[in-house]
Amino acid sequence: MERYERNAVRARPVLKQRGQGMSEYIIITALIAVAGIGLFAAFGDTLQNQMAGMSQEMAGKSGATDIQKAGTTANTARTRAAQAESLSNYNQQTGAGGG
C-alpha cells in the first residue's frame, strides 16, 4: 500500500505541468488570433480586392478593376497610417460615418 501512495503523490506534479502547458498553448493561440484580426482589420479591404482580382483572372475574366481598387485601398491605408491618431480624427481614421 505504501508503494502505491508514493506513486500517486508523484503523479500529481505531472498533471499540474500538463495543465500549465495547455494554458500556455491557449494563451499563445489567442494572441495569434488577435494579431490576425488586427492585420485583417488593417489590410482587409486591400486583401479582399486583391483576392477578387485574382479570382476574376483565374476565371478568365479581367480583374483590372479589382486590382486597381486594391491599389487605391492600399494608398488609403498608407495615408491613415501616416496620420497621428486622436479622437479628433477618429472618424477619418476608421472610415466611420457621422459628424
C-alpha atoms as a PDB file:
ATOM      1  CA  MET A   1       0.000   0.000   0.000  1.00  0.00           C
ATOM      2  CA  GLU A   2       2.751   2.382   0.877  1.00  0.00           C
ATOM      3  CA  ARG A   3       4.318   1.977  -2.539  1.00  0.00           C
ATOM      4  CA  TYR A   4       1.023   2.843  -4.290  1.00  0.00           C
ATOM      5  CA  GLU A   5       0.600   6.003  -2.219  1.00  0.00           C
ATOM      6  CA  ARG A   6       4.073   7.215  -3.129  1.00  0.00           C
ATOM      7  CA  ASN A   7       3.362   6.744  -6.842  1.00  0.00           C
ATOM      8  CA  ALA A   8       0.073   8.620  -6.519  1.00  0.00           C
ATOM      9  CA  VAL A   9       1.858  11.576  -4.939  1.00  0.00           C
ATOM     10  CA  ARG A  10       4.435  11.614  -7.740  1.00  0.00           C
ATOM     11  CA  ALA A  11       1.755  11.698 -10.437  1.00  0.00           C
ATOM     12  CA  ARG A  12       0.217  14.941  -9.221  1.00  0.00           C
ATOM     13  CA  PRO A  13       3.003  17.315 -10.362  1.00  0.00           C
ATOM     14  CA  VAL A  14       2.869  15.800 -13.849  1.00  0.00           C
ATOM     15  CA  LEU A  15      -0.828  16.633 -14.115  1.00  0.00           C
ATOM     16  CA  LYS A  16      -0.172  20.202 -12.981  1.00  0.00           C
ATOM     17  CA  GLN A  17       2.532  20.588 -15.624  1.00  0.00           C
ATOM     18  CA  ARG A  18       0.179  19.310 -18.316  1.00  0.00           C
ATOM     19  CA  GLY A  19      -2.423  21.873 -17.273  1.00  0.00           C
ATOM     20  CA  GLN A  20       0.155  24.649 -17.302  1.00  0.00           C
ATOM     21  CA  GLY A  21       1.333  23.653 -20.789  1.00  0.00           C
ATOM     22  CA  MET A  22      -2.226  23.640 -22.078  1.00  0.00           C
ATOM     23  CA  SER A  23      -2.887  27.067 -20.554  1.00  0.00           C
ATOM     24  CA  GLU A  24       0.223  28.482 -22.218  1.00  0.00           C
ATOM     25  CA  TYR A  25      -0.833  26.962 -25.531  1.00  0.00           C
ATOM     26  CA  ILE A  26      -4.282  28.539 -25.261  1.00  0.00           C
ATOM     27  CA  ILE A  27      -2.794  31.962 -24.439  1.00  0.00           C
ATOM     28  CA  ILE A  28      -0.402  31.808 -27.395  1.00  0.00           C
ATOM     29  CA  THR A  29      -3.218  30.717 -29.719  1.00  0.00           C
ATOM     30  CA  ALA A  30      -5.387  33.592 -28.513  1.00  0.00           C
ATOM     31  CA  LEU A  31      -2.573  36.111 -29.090  1.00  0.00           C
ATOM     32  CA  ILE A  32      -2.052  34.825 -32.627  1.00  0.00           C
ATOM     33  CA  ALA A  33      -5.795  35.106 -33.285  1.00  0.00           C
ATOM     34  CA  VAL A  34      -5.876  38.698 -32.011  1.00  0.00           C
ATOM     35  CA  ALA A  35      -2.868  39.586 -34.173  1.00  0.00           C
ATOM     36  CA  GLY A  36      -4.592  38.047 -37.196  1.00  0.00           C
ATOM     37  CA  ILE A  37      -7.750  40.022 -36.548  1.00  0.00           C
ATOM     38  CA  GLY A  38      -5.706  43.212 -36.239  1.00  0.00           C
ATOM     39  CA  LEU A  39      -3.907  42.557 -39.518  1.00  0.00           C
ATOM     40  CA  PHE A  40      -7.141  41.797 -41.294  1.00  0.00           C
ATOM     41  CA  ALA A  41      -8.670  44.987 -39.913  1.00  0.00           C
ATOM     42  CA  ALA A  42      -5.710  46.993 -41.207  1.00  0.00           C
ATOM     43  CA  PHE A  43      -5.392  45.349 -44.626  1.00  0.00           C
ATOM     44  CA  GLY A  44      -8.835  43.747 -45.092  1.00  0.00           C
ATOM     45  CA  ASP A  45     -10.055  45.918 -47.951  1.00  0.00           C
ATOM     46  CA  THR A  46      -6.799  45.559 -49.842  1.00  0.00           C
ATOM     47  CA  LEU A  47      -6.735  41.789 -49.390  1.00  0.00           C
ATOM     48  CA  GLN A  48     -10.381  41.461 -50.396  1.00  0.00           C
ATOM     49  CA  ASN A  49      -9.830  43.433 -53.598  1.00  0.00           C
ATOM     50  CA  GLN A  50      -6.652  41.502 -54.431  1.00  0.00           C
ATOM     51  CA  MET A  51      -8.438  38.176 -53.946  1.00  0.00           C
ATOM     52  CA  ALA A  52     -11.353  39.373 -56.110  1.00  0.00           C
ATOM     53  CA  GLY A  53      -8.929  40.408 -58.848  1.00  0.00           C
ATOM     54  CA  MET A  54      -7.095  37.085 -58.735  1.00  0.00           C
ATOM     55  CA  SER A  55     -10.387  35.180 -58.784  1.00  0.00           C
ATOM     56  CA  GLN A  56     -11.514  37.106 -61.864  1.00  0.00           C
ATOM     57  CA  GLU A  57      -8.213  36.431 -63.610  1.00  0.00           C
ATOM     58  CA  MET A  58      -8.354  32.714 -62.777  1.00  0.00           C
ATOM     59  CA  ALA A  59     -11.896  32.593 -64.184  1.00  0.00           C
ATOM     60  CA  GLY A  60     -10.582  34.008 -67.477  1.00  0.00           C
ATOM     61  CA  LYS A  61     -12.034  37.480 -66.964  1.00  0.00           C
ATOM     62  CA  SER A  62     -10.312  40.802 -66.447  1.00  0.00           C
ATOM     63  CA  GLY A  63      -9.520  41.584 -62.827  1.00  0.00           C
ATOM     64  CA  ALA A  64      -8.061  45.014 -63.596  1.00  0.00           C
ATOM     65  CA  THR A  65     -10.847  46.911 -61.822  1.00  0.00           C
ATOM     66  CA  ASP A  66     -10.464  44.912 -58.607  1.00  0.00           C
ATOM     67  CA  ILE A  67      -6.675  45.181 -58.712  1.00  0.00           C
ATOM     68  CA  GLN A  68      -6.960  48.949 -59.199  1.00  0.00           C
ATOM     69  CA  LYS A  69      -9.309  49.113 -56.177  1.00  0.00           C
ATOM     70  CA  ALA A  70      -6.701  47.193 -54.179  1.00  0.00           C
ATOM     71  CA  GLY A  71      -4.108  49.824 -55.054  1.00  0.00           C
ATOM     72  CA  THR A  72      -6.483  52.593 -54.016  1.00  0.00           C
ATOM     73  CA  THR A  73      -7.263  50.977 -50.671  1.00  0.00           C
ATOM     74  CA  ALA A  74      -3.552  50.345 -50.088  1.00  0.00           C
ATOM     75  CA  ASN A  75      -2.855  54.049 -50.616  1.00  0.00           C
ATOM     76  CA  THR A  76      -5.706  54.922 -48.233  1.00  0.00           C
ATOM     77  CA  ALA A  77      -4.224  52.582 -45.622  1.00  0.00           C
ATOM     78  CA  ARG A  78      -0.805  54.197 -46.072  1.00  0.00           C
ATOM     79  CA  THR A  79      -2.313  57.669 -45.584  1.00  0.00           C
ATOM     80  CA  ARG A  80      -4.173  56.587 -42.450  1.00  0.00           C
ATOM     81  CA  ALA A  81      -1.025  55.015 -41.027  1.00  0.00           C
ATOM     82  CA  ALA A  82       0.916  58.248 -41.517  1.00  0.00           C
ATOM     83  CA  GLN A  83      -1.676  60.326 -39.651  1.00  0.00           C
ATOM     84  CA  ALA A  84      -1.446  60.947 -35.947  1.00  0.00           C
ATOM     85  CA  GLU A  85      -4.278  59.194 -34.170  1.00  0.00           C
ATOM     86  CA  SER A  86      -6.505  61.167 -31.843  1.00  0.00           C
ATOM     87  CA  LEU A  87     -10.166  61.496 -31.024  1.00  0.00           C
ATOM     88  CA  SER A  88     -10.439  64.491 -33.333  1.00  0.00           C
ATOM     89  CA  ASN A  89      -9.715  62.378 -36.426  1.00  0.00           C
ATOM     90  CA  TYR A  90     -11.256  59.090 -35.274  1.00  0.00           C
ATOM     91  CA  ASN A  91     -13.954  59.068 -37.960  1.00  0.00           C
ATOM     92  CA  GLN A  92     -11.406  59.725 -40.679  1.00  0.00           C
ATOM     93  CA  GLN A  93      -9.063  57.006 -39.360  1.00  0.00           C
ATOM     94  CA  THR A  94     -11.746  54.349 -39.135  1.00  0.00           C
ATOM     95  CA  GLY A  95     -13.810  55.390 -42.115  1.00  0.00           C
ATOM     96  CA  ALA A  96     -16.785  55.747 -39.769  1.00  0.00           C
ATOM     97  CA  GLY A  97     -19.653  57.998 -40.682  1.00  0.00           C
ATOM     98  CA  GLY A  98     -21.062  60.756 -38.557  1.00  0.00           C
ATOM     99  CA  GLY A  99     -20.262  64.373 -37.805  1.00  0.00           C
END
